[in-house]
C-alpha atoms as a PDB file:
ATOM      1  CA  UNK A   1      -6.760  13.591 -10.382  1.00  0.00           C
ATOM      2  CA  UNK A   2      -5.591  10.010 -10.777  1.00  0.00           C
ATOM      3  CA  UNK A   3      -3.516   8.468  -7.987  1.00  0.00           C
ATOM      4  CA  UNK A   4      -1.985   5.054  -8.627  1.00  0.00           C
ATOM      5  CA  UNK A   5      -0.498   2.652  -6.100  1.00  0.00           C
ATOM      6  CA  UNK A   6       1.710  -0.278  -7.083  1.00  0.00           C
ATOM      7  CA  UNK A   7       3.763  -2.804  -5.162  1.00  0.00           C
ATOM      8  CA  UNK A   8       6.481  -3.078  -7.786  1.00  0.00           C
ATOM      9  CA  UNK A   9       8.355  -5.889  -5.988  1.00  0.00           C
ATOM     10  CA  UNK A  10      11.653  -4.324  -7.017  1.00  0.00           C
ATOM     11  CA  UNK A  11      11.565  -1.184  -9.154  1.00  0.00           C
ATOM     12  CA  UNK A  12      14.840  -2.109 -10.862  1.00  0.00           C
ATOM     13  CA  UNK A  13      13.403  -5.459 -11.923  1.00  0.00           C
ATOM     14  CA  UNK A  14      10.379  -3.724 -13.488  1.00  0.00           C
ATOM     15  CA  UNK A  15      12.760  -1.398 -15.347  1.00  0.00           C
ATOM     16  CA  UNK A  16      14.882  -4.288 -16.623  1.00  0.00           C
ATOM     17  CA  UNK A  17      11.748  -5.943 -18.008  1.00  0.00           C
ATOM     18  CA  UNK A  18      10.937  -2.726 -19.878  1.00  0.00           C
ATOM     19  CA  UNK A  19       7.556  -2.505 -18.169  1.00  0.00           C
ATOM     20  CA  UNK A  20       7.736   0.726 -16.184  1.00  0.00           C
ATOM     21  CA  UNK A  21       7.333   3.077 -19.152  1.00  0.00           C
ATOM     22  CA  UNK A  22       4.273   1.159 -20.467  1.00  0.00           C
ATOM     23  CA  UNK A  23       2.744   1.406 -16.985  1.00  0.00           C
ATOM     24  CA  UNK A  24       3.137   5.189 -17.021  1.00  0.00           C
ATOM     25  CA  UNK A  25       1.837   5.482 -20.562  1.00  0.00           C
ATOM     26  CA  UNK A  26      -1.191   3.319 -19.860  1.00  0.00           C
ATOM     27  CA  UNK A  27      -2.357   4.876 -16.603  1.00  0.00           C
ATOM     28  CA  UNK A  28      -0.879   8.401 -16.838  1.00  0.00           C
ATOM     29  CA  UNK A  29      -1.038   9.006 -13.081  1.00  0.00           C
ATOM     30  CA  UNK A  30      -0.821  12.424 -11.519  1.00  0.00           C
ATOM     31  CA  UNK A  31       0.646  10.807  -8.413  1.00  0.00           C
ATOM     32  CA  UNK A  32       2.381   7.426  -8.136  1.00  0.00           C
ATOM     33  CA  UNK A  33       2.764   5.558  -4.861  1.00  0.00           C
ATOM     34  CA  UNK A  34       5.094   2.570  -4.818  1.00  0.00           C
ATOM     35  CA  UNK A  35       5.817  -0.143  -2.298  1.00  0.00           C
ATOM     36  CA  UNK A  36       8.565  -2.753  -2.048  1.00  0.00           C
ATOM     37  CA  UNK A  37      10.857  -0.623  -4.172  1.00  0.00           C
ATOM     38  CA  UNK A  38      13.912  -2.576  -2.955  1.00  0.00           C
ATOM     39  CA  UNK A  39      16.253   0.250  -3.960  1.00  0.00           C
ATOM     40  CA  UNK A  40      17.856   3.509  -2.949  1.00  0.00           C
ATOM     41  CA  UNK A  41      16.799   6.525  -5.011  1.00  0.00           C
ATOM     42  CA  UNK A  42      20.198   6.872  -6.722  1.00  0.00           C
ATOM     43  CA  UNK A  43      19.973   3.258  -7.943  1.00  0.00           C
ATOM     44  CA  UNK A  44      16.775   3.864  -9.906  1.00  0.00           C
ATOM     45  CA  UNK A  45      16.757   4.803 -13.594  1.00  0.00           C
ATOM     46  CA  UNK A  46      12.988   4.981 -14.087  1.00  0.00           C
ATOM     47  CA  UNK A  47      12.025   7.901 -16.306  1.00  0.00           C
ATOM     48  CA  UNK A  48       9.945   9.992 -13.943  1.00  0.00           C
ATOM     49  CA  UNK A  49      10.451  13.296 -15.720  1.00  0.00           C
ATOM     50  CA  UNK A  50       7.814  15.769 -14.592  1.00  0.00           C
ATOM     51  CA  UNK A  51       7.405  14.073 -11.194  1.00  0.00           C
ATOM     52  CA  UNK A  52       8.868  15.187  -7.903  1.00  0.00           C
ATOM     53  CA  UNK A  53      10.173  12.103  -6.117  1.00  0.00           C
ATOM     54  CA  UNK A  54      10.164  11.253  -2.427  1.00  0.00           C
ATOM     55  CA  UNK A  55      11.834   7.989  -1.463  1.00  0.00           C
ATOM     56  CA  UNK A  56      11.917   6.157   1.851  1.00  0.00           C
ATOM     57  CA  UNK A  57      14.293   3.244   1.499  1.00  0.00           C
ATOM     58  CA  UNK A  58      15.011   0.571   4.061  1.00  0.00           C
ATOM     59  CA  UNK A  59      18.305   0.725   5.912  1.00  0.00           C
ATOM     60  CA  UNK A  60      18.842  -2.841   4.670  1.00  0.00           C
ATOM     61  CA  UNK A  61      19.715  -2.665   0.961  1.00  0.00           C
ATOM     62  CA  UNK A  62      17.441  -4.398  -1.521  1.00  0.00           C
ATOM     63  CA  UNK A  63      14.579  -4.708   0.972  1.00  0.00           C
ATOM     64  CA  UNK A  64      11.147  -3.161   1.393  1.00  0.00           C
ATOM     65  CA  UNK A  65      10.923   0.591   0.701  1.00  0.00           C
ATOM     66  CA  UNK A  66       8.226   3.029  -0.400  1.00  0.00           C
ATOM     67  CA  UNK A  67       8.105   6.122  -2.593  1.00  0.00           C
ATOM     68  CA  UNK A  68       5.786   8.824  -3.887  1.00  0.00           C
ATOM     69  CA  UNK A  69       6.275  10.548  -7.243  1.00  0.00           C
ATOM     70  CA  UNK A  70       3.984  13.493  -7.867  1.00  0.00           C
ATOM     71  CA  UNK A  71       3.286  16.024 -10.615  1.00  0.00           C
ATOM     72  CA  UNK A  72       1.726  18.167  -7.884  1.00  0.00           C
ATOM     73  CA  UNK A  73       4.150  19.685  -5.399  1.00  0.00           C
ATOM     74  CA  UNK A  74       3.250  18.587  -1.850  1.00  0.00           C
ATOM     75  CA  UNK A  75       3.205  21.071   0.994  1.00  0.00           C
ATOM     76  CA  UNK A  76       5.303  18.674   3.054  1.00  0.00           C
ATOM     77  CA  UNK A  77       6.569  15.092   3.056  1.00  0.00           C
ATOM     78  CA  UNK A  78       7.243  12.902   6.093  1.00  0.00           C
ATOM     79  CA  UNK A  79       8.828   9.451   6.071  1.00  0.00           C
ATOM     80  CA  UNK A  80       8.128   6.707   8.578  1.00  0.00           C
ATOM     81  CA  UNK A  81       5.803   6.726  11.555  1.00  0.00           C
ATOM     82  CA  UNK A  82       6.274   9.576  14.042  1.00  0.00           C
ATOM     83  CA  UNK A  83       8.743   8.606  16.750  1.00  0.00           C
ATOM     84  CA  UNK A  84       6.316   9.512  19.522  1.00  0.00           C
ATOM     85  CA  UNK A  85       3.711   7.116  18.143  1.00  0.00           C
ATOM     86  CA  UNK A  86       6.249   4.334  17.605  1.00  0.00           C
ATOM     87  CA  UNK A  87       7.441   4.747  21.188  1.00  0.00           C
ATOM     88  CA  UNK A  88       3.894   4.855  22.566  1.00  0.00           C
ATOM     89  CA  UNK A  89       3.101   1.499  20.964  1.00  0.00           C
ATOM     90  CA  UNK A  90       6.447  -0.130  21.725  1.00  0.00           C
ATOM     91  CA  UNK A  91       7.289  -0.409  18.051  1.00  0.00           C
ATOM     92  CA  UNK A  92      10.964  -1.137  18.587  1.00  0.00           C
ATOM     93  CA  UNK A  93      11.350  -4.153  16.347  1.00  0.00           C
ATOM     94  CA  UNK A  94      11.650  -7.915  16.591  1.00  0.00           C
ATOM     95  CA  UNK A  95      14.056 -10.595  15.449  1.00  0.00           C
ATOM     96  CA  UNK A  96      13.612  -9.385  11.868  1.00  0.00           C
ATOM     97  CA  UNK A  97      14.439  -5.763  12.697  1.00  0.00           C
ATOM     98  CA  UNK A  98      12.676  -2.481  13.375  1.00  0.00           C
ATOM     99  CA  UNK A  99       9.820  -1.913  10.908  1.00  0.00           C
ATOM    100  CA  UNK A 100      10.325   1.839  11.207  1.00  0.00           C
ATOM    101  CA  UNK A 101      13.778   1.332   9.645  1.00  0.00           C
ATOM    102  CA  UNK A 102      12.317  -0.622   6.732  1.00  0.00           C
ATOM    103  CA  UNK A 103      11.049   2.264   4.623  1.00  0.00           C
ATOM    104  CA  UNK A 104       7.406   1.387   5.077  1.00  0.00           C
ATOM    105  CA  UNK A 105       5.532   4.725   5.108  1.00  0.00           C
ATOM    106  CA  UNK A 106       5.624   7.994   3.174  1.00  0.00           C
ATOM    107  CA  UNK A 107       3.125  10.790   3.878  1.00  0.00           C
ATOM    108  CA  UNK A 108       2.633  13.677   1.469  1.00  0.00           C
ATOM    109  CA  UNK A 109       0.531  16.632   2.520  1.00  0.00           C
ATOM    110  CA  UNK A 110      -1.397  18.416  -0.220  1.00  0.00           C
ATOM    111  CA  UNK A 111      -3.600  21.466   0.032  1.00  0.00           C
ATOM    112  CA  UNK A 112      -6.802  19.615   0.836  1.00  0.00           C
ATOM    113  CA  UNK A 113      -5.766  16.097   1.883  1.00  0.00           C
ATOM    114  CA  UNK A 114      -2.977  13.856   3.112  1.00  0.00           C
ATOM    115  CA  UNK A 115      -1.765  10.956   0.992  1.00  0.00           C
ATOM    116  CA  UNK A 116      -0.137   8.051   2.821  1.00  0.00           C
ATOM    117  CA  UNK A 117       1.478   5.107   1.103  1.00  0.00           C
ATOM    118  CA  UNK A 118       2.242   2.088   3.261  1.00  0.00           C
ATOM    119  CA  UNK A 119       3.855  -1.314   3.003  1.00  0.00           C
ATOM    120  CA  UNK A 120       2.511  -3.198   6.013  1.00  0.00           C
ATOM    121  CA  UNK A 121       4.823  -5.818   7.541  1.00  0.00           C
ATOM    122  CA  UNK A 122       4.050  -9.341   6.387  1.00  0.00           C
ATOM    123  CA  UNK A 123       3.061 -11.754   9.148  1.00  0.00           C
ATOM    124  CA  UNK A 124       5.346 -14.392   7.536  1.00  0.00           C
ATOM    125  CA  UNK A 125       4.319 -17.894   6.523  1.00  0.00           C
ATOM    126  CA  UNK A 126       4.906 -19.253  10.022  1.00  0.00           C
ATOM    127  CA  UNK A 127       3.146 -16.188  11.551  1.00  0.00           C
ATOM    128  CA  UNK A 128       6.392 -15.289  13.335  1.00  0.00           C
ATOM    129  CA  UNK A 129       5.772 -11.582  12.736  1.00  0.00           C
ATOM    130  CA  UNK A 130       2.051 -11.597  13.444  1.00  0.00           C
ATOM    131  CA  UNK A 131       2.555 -10.484  17.044  1.00  0.00           C
ATOM    132  CA  UNK A 132       4.518  -7.398  16.055  1.00  0.00           C
ATOM    133  CA  UNK A 133       2.024  -6.543  13.364  1.00  0.00           C
ATOM    134  CA  UNK A 134      -1.136  -7.074  15.410  1.00  0.00           C
ATOM    135  CA  UNK A 135       0.019  -5.752  18.763  1.00  0.00           C
ATOM    136  CA  UNK A 136       2.290  -2.902  17.659  1.00  0.00           C
ATOM    137  CA  UNK A 137       2.302  -1.946  13.967  1.00  0.00           C
ATOM    138  CA  UNK A 138      -1.437  -1.922  13.305  1.00  0.00           C
ATOM    139  CA  UNK A 139      -2.278   0.082  16.466  1.00  0.00           C
ATOM    140  CA  UNK A 140       0.551   2.540  15.778  1.00  0.00           C
ATOM    141  CA  UNK A 141      -0.492   3.022  12.165  1.00  0.00           C
ATOM    142  CA  UNK A 142      -4.142   3.501  13.175  1.00  0.00           C
ATOM    143  CA  UNK A 143      -3.078   6.050  15.780  1.00  0.00           C
ATOM    144  CA  UNK A 144      -1.133   7.960  13.116  1.00  0.00           C
ATOM    145  CA  UNK A 145      -4.070   7.930  10.702  1.00  0.00           C
ATOM    146  CA  UNK A 146      -6.383   9.286  13.406  1.00  0.00           C
ATOM    147  CA  UNK A 147      -3.954  12.116  14.059  1.00  0.00           C
ATOM    148  CA  UNK A 148      -3.875  13.049  10.385  1.00  0.00           C
ATOM    149  CA  UNK A 149      -7.655  12.830  10.063  1.00  0.00           C
ATOM    150  CA  UNK A 150      -8.038  15.508  12.734  1.00  0.00           C
ATOM    151  CA  UNK A 151      -6.237  17.953  10.426  1.00  0.00           C
ATOM    152  CA  UNK A 152      -7.653  17.238   6.958  1.00  0.00           C
ATOM    153  CA  UNK A 153      -9.000  14.349   4.823  1.00  0.00           C
ATOM    154  CA  UNK A 154      -6.716  11.347   4.305  1.00  0.00           C
ATOM    155  CA  UNK A 155      -6.148   8.810   1.526  1.00  0.00           C
ATOM    156  CA  UNK A 156      -4.201   5.669   2.449  1.00  0.00           C
ATOM    157  CA  UNK A 157      -2.877   3.331  -0.210  1.00  0.00           C
ATOM    158  CA  UNK A 158      -0.512   0.446  -0.524  1.00  0.00           C
ATOM    159  CA  UNK A 159       0.111  -3.191   0.134  1.00  0.00           C
ATOM    160  CA  UNK A 160      -1.639  -3.734   3.457  1.00  0.00           C
ATOM    161  CA  UNK A 161      -0.894  -7.476   3.385  1.00  0.00           C
ATOM    162  CA  UNK A 162      -4.390  -8.612   4.338  1.00  0.00           C
ATOM    163  CA  UNK A 163      -7.484  -9.832   2.550  1.00  0.00           C
ATOM    164  CA  UNK A 164     -10.380  -8.184   4.353  1.00  0.00           C
ATOM    165  CA  UNK A 165     -13.289 -10.513   3.544  1.00  0.00           C
ATOM    166  CA  UNK A 166     -13.955 -13.860   1.877  1.00  0.00           C
ATOM    167  CA  UNK A 167     -14.533 -11.980  -1.378  1.00  0.00           C
ATOM    168  CA  UNK A 168     -10.967 -10.707  -1.301  1.00  0.00           C
ATOM    169  CA  UNK A 169      -9.233 -14.000  -2.032  1.00  0.00           C
ATOM    170  CA  UNK A 170      -9.959 -16.883  -4.359  1.00  0.00           C
ATOM    171  CA  UNK A 171      -9.755 -19.645  -1.736  1.00  0.00           C
ATOM    172  CA  UNK A 172     -10.904 -18.257   1.610  1.00  0.00           C
ATOM    173  CA  UNK A 173     -11.733 -21.564   3.331  1.00  0.00           C
ATOM    174  CA  UNK A 174      -8.297 -23.005   2.627  1.00  0.00           C
ATOM    175  CA  UNK A 175      -6.546 -19.886   3.926  1.00  0.00           C
ATOM    176  CA  UNK A 176      -8.361 -19.138   7.192  1.00  0.00           C
ATOM    177  CA  UNK A 177      -5.741 -18.522   9.867  1.00  0.00           C
ATOM    178  CA  UNK A 178      -2.888 -18.256   7.384  1.00  0.00           C
ATOM    179  CA  UNK A 179      -0.738 -15.160   6.823  1.00  0.00           C
ATOM    180  CA  UNK A 180      -2.832 -12.456   5.219  1.00  0.00           C
ATOM    181  CA  UNK A 181      -6.123 -13.950   6.380  1.00  0.00           C
ATOM    182  CA  UNK A 182      -5.845 -14.289  10.142  1.00  0.00           C
ATOM    183  CA  UNK A 183      -8.437 -12.819  12.480  1.00  0.00           C
ATOM    184  CA  UNK A 184      -5.752 -10.536  13.882  1.00  0.00           C
ATOM    185  CA  UNK A 185      -4.826  -9.032  10.519  1.00  0.00           C
ATOM    186  CA  UNK A 186      -8.424  -8.673   9.437  1.00  0.00           C
ATOM    187  CA  UNK A 187      -9.326  -6.953  12.701  1.00  0.00           C
ATOM    188  CA  UNK A 188      -6.529  -4.447  12.097  1.00  0.00           C
ATOM    189  CA  UNK A 189      -8.034  -3.598   8.735  1.00  0.00           C
ATOM    190  CA  UNK A 190     -11.509  -3.438  10.244  1.00  0.00           C
ATOM    191  CA  UNK A 191     -10.247  -0.933  12.806  1.00  0.00           C
ATOM    192  CA  UNK A 192      -9.326   1.456   9.986  1.00  0.00           C
ATOM    193  CA  UNK A 193     -12.861   1.220   8.613  1.00  0.00           C
ATOM    194  CA  UNK A 194     -14.358   1.798  12.059  1.00  0.00           C
ATOM    195  CA  UNK A 195     -12.152   4.871  12.422  1.00  0.00           C
ATOM    196  CA  UNK A 196     -13.852   6.404   9.404  1.00  0.00           C
ATOM    197  CA  UNK A 197     -12.061   5.062   6.336  1.00  0.00           C
ATOM    198  CA  UNK A 198     -13.869   3.752   3.270  1.00  0.00           C
ATOM    199  CA  UNK A 199     -12.585   0.914   1.067  1.00  0.00           C
ATOM    200  CA  UNK A 200     -12.771   2.831  -2.210  1.00  0.00           C
ATOM    201  CA  UNK A 201     -12.899  -0.192  -4.520  1.00  0.00           C
ATOM    202  CA  UNK A 202     -15.984  -1.523  -2.740  1.00  0.00           C
ATOM    203  CA  UNK A 203     -17.788   1.765  -3.330  1.00  0.00           C
ATOM    204  CA  UNK A 204     -17.930   0.830  -7.007  1.00  0.00           C
ATOM    205  CA  UNK A 205     -17.424  -2.949  -7.231  1.00  0.00           C
ATOM    206  CA  UNK A 206     -18.785  -5.851  -5.177  1.00  0.00           C
ATOM    207  CA  UNK A 207     -18.190  -9.580  -5.257  1.00  0.00           C
ATOM    208  CA  UNK A 208     -15.141 -11.765  -5.696  1.00  0.00           C
ATOM    209  CA  UNK A 209     -12.744 -12.340  -8.570  1.00  0.00           C
ATOM    210  CA  UNK A 210     -11.034  -8.954  -8.159  1.00  0.00           C
ATOM    211  CA  UNK A 211      -7.461  -9.482  -7.007  1.00  0.00           C
ATOM    212  CA  UNK A 212      -4.199  -7.538  -6.845  1.00  0.00           C
ATOM    213  CA  UNK A 213      -1.625 -10.206  -5.987  1.00  0.00           C
ATOM    214  CA  UNK A 214      -1.007 -13.690  -7.366  1.00  0.00           C
ATOM    215  CA  UNK A 215       1.518 -16.334  -6.415  1.00  0.00           C
ATOM    216  CA  UNK A 216       4.261 -16.973  -8.964  1.00  0.00           C
ATOM    217  CA  UNK A 217       3.406 -20.679  -8.843  1.00  0.00           C
ATOM    218  CA  UNK A 218       0.755 -22.883 -10.496  1.00  0.00           C
ATOM    219  CA  UNK A 219      -0.244 -20.288 -13.117  1.00  0.00           C
ATOM    220  CA  UNK A 220      -2.080 -18.423 -10.372  1.00  0.00           C
ATOM    221  CA  UNK A 221      -2.302 -15.154 -12.284  1.00  0.00           C
ATOM    222  CA  UNK A 222      -3.428 -16.750 -15.537  1.00  0.00           C
ATOM    223  CA  UNK A 223      -6.112 -18.596 -13.588  1.00  0.00           C
ATOM    224  CA  UNK A 224      -6.917 -15.549 -11.440  1.00  0.00           C
ATOM    225  CA  UNK A 225      -6.304 -17.409  -8.199  1.00  0.00           C
ATOM    226  CA  UNK A 226      -5.311 -14.357  -6.232  1.00  0.00           C
ATOM    227  CA  UNK A 227      -5.743 -12.078  -3.253  1.00  0.00           C
ATOM    228  CA  UNK A 228      -6.848  -8.454  -2.957  1.00  0.00           C
ATOM    229  CA  UNK A 229      -4.283  -7.050  -0.536  1.00  0.00           C
ATOM    230  CA  UNK A 230      -3.555  -3.678  -2.197  1.00  0.00           C
ATOM    231  CA  UNK A 231      -5.981  -0.908  -1.325  1.00  0.00           C
ATOM    232  CA  UNK A 232      -7.012   2.708  -1.470  1.00  0.00           C
ATOM    233  CA  UNK A 233      -8.795   3.734   1.711  1.00  0.00           C
ATOM    234  CA  UNK A 234     -10.185   7.252   1.944  1.00  0.00           C
ATOM    235  CA  UNK A 235     -11.551   9.054   4.971  1.00  0.00           C
ATOM    236  CA  UNK A 236     -15.306   9.568   4.850  1.00  0.00           C
ATOM    237  CA  UNK A 237     -14.892  13.299   4.215  1.00  0.00           C
ATOM    238  CA  UNK A 238     -12.839  12.539   1.091  1.00  0.00           C
ATOM    239  CA  UNK A 239     -15.155   9.803  -0.217  1.00  0.00           C
ATOM    240  CA  UNK A 240     -17.590  12.219  -1.962  1.00  0.00           C
ATOM    241  CA  UNK A 241     -14.753  13.165  -4.317  1.00  0.00           C
ATOM    242  CA  UNK A 242     -14.286   9.585  -5.547  1.00  0.00           C
ATOM    243  CA  UNK A 243     -15.001   9.262  -9.254  1.00  0.00           C
ATOM    244  CA  UNK A 244     -13.579   5.762  -9.682  1.00  0.00           C
ATOM    245  CA  UNK A 245     -11.513   3.078  -7.978  1.00  0.00           C
ATOM    246  CA  UNK A 246      -9.911   0.443 -10.175  1.00  0.00           C
ATOM    247  CA  UNK A 247      -7.710  -2.626 -10.201  1.00  0.00           C
ATOM    248  CA  UNK A 248      -5.396  -2.767 -13.235  1.00  0.00           C
ATOM    249  CA  UNK A 249      -4.800  -6.493 -13.534  1.00  0.00           C
ATOM    250  CA  UNK A 250      -3.557  -6.125 -17.112  1.00  0.00           C
ATOM    251  CA  UNK A 251      -0.462  -4.180 -16.022  1.00  0.00           C
ATOM    252  CA  UNK A 252       2.465  -6.575 -15.778  1.00  0.00           C
ATOM    253  CA  UNK A 253       5.889  -6.344 -14.177  1.00  0.00           C
ATOM    254  CA  UNK A 254       5.275  -7.470 -10.596  1.00  0.00           C
ATOM    255  CA  UNK A 255       3.407 -10.201  -8.749  1.00  0.00           C
ATOM    256  CA  UNK A 256       1.096  -7.333  -7.721  1.00  0.00           C
ATOM    257  CA  UNK A 257      -0.860  -5.138 -10.111  1.00  0.00           C
ATOM    258  CA  UNK A 258      -1.514  -1.413  -9.692  1.00  0.00           C
ATOM    259  CA  UNK A 259      -4.672  -0.024  -8.117  1.00  0.00           C
ATOM    260  CA  UNK A 260      -5.949   3.510  -8.555  1.00  0.00           C
ATOM    261  CA  UNK A 261      -8.493   6.099  -7.570  1.00  0.00           C
ATOM    262  CA  UNK A 262      -9.657   9.162  -9.451  1.00  0.00           C
ATOM    263  CA  UNK A 263     -10.661  12.163  -7.357  1.00  0.00           C
ATOM    264  CA  UNK A 264     -12.637  15.152  -8.541  1.00  0.00           C
ATOM    265  CA  UNK A 265     -10.634  18.345  -8.212  1.00  0.00           C
END
């Protein structure tokens, strides 16, 4: 079973470039998880014949959004973080809005695991959203993952908007303390690992040079000056089923590239 995650940075833009069909043909995913769709379901013309689609769009048009498209029918699908968890952690928004209204999480329950796709709020270049992320979003999301893990194994994928270690970005020294590489964001990621998740890519591949996002400036992608901020995390009880975890840097259409895992059935 191949599950692919891709921050498409606007699904309609990928379609207009004629690059969504080649993505499907190349990777042939059983399940597709998308982030930053920037569209309502009825606005999307992507040919997803054979996939059941579950969209969670932001209330603000053209912004954020996540979706899961699956050839395997889920037992259930839930959008957003549970209200009780959001309330517990005071996740009621900031000057930018309420992140639980921004289409950031879709959870699909399958027979033997949960699949969660997430688009974590960006801390912003001036770190003006770091407080909300570190103090509210990350704890609430971790709480939700722990709840799911009590029921069955969990796979979490998506744009988590953080480079975990120095190996996960091309220029770590120059970016210490900047959005995506603050101690606060990295500690939020570390908390997921301490809770029992495994960074699937690092099961198979070590070292630097493996990135999933590149700036649109200074030929960053051509020069591979990037960041690894898109992940597949699997709970430790799902990890034995990992057959591969890959970064597909050759797939074009977004400033992010897809990442995938293959699970034994």
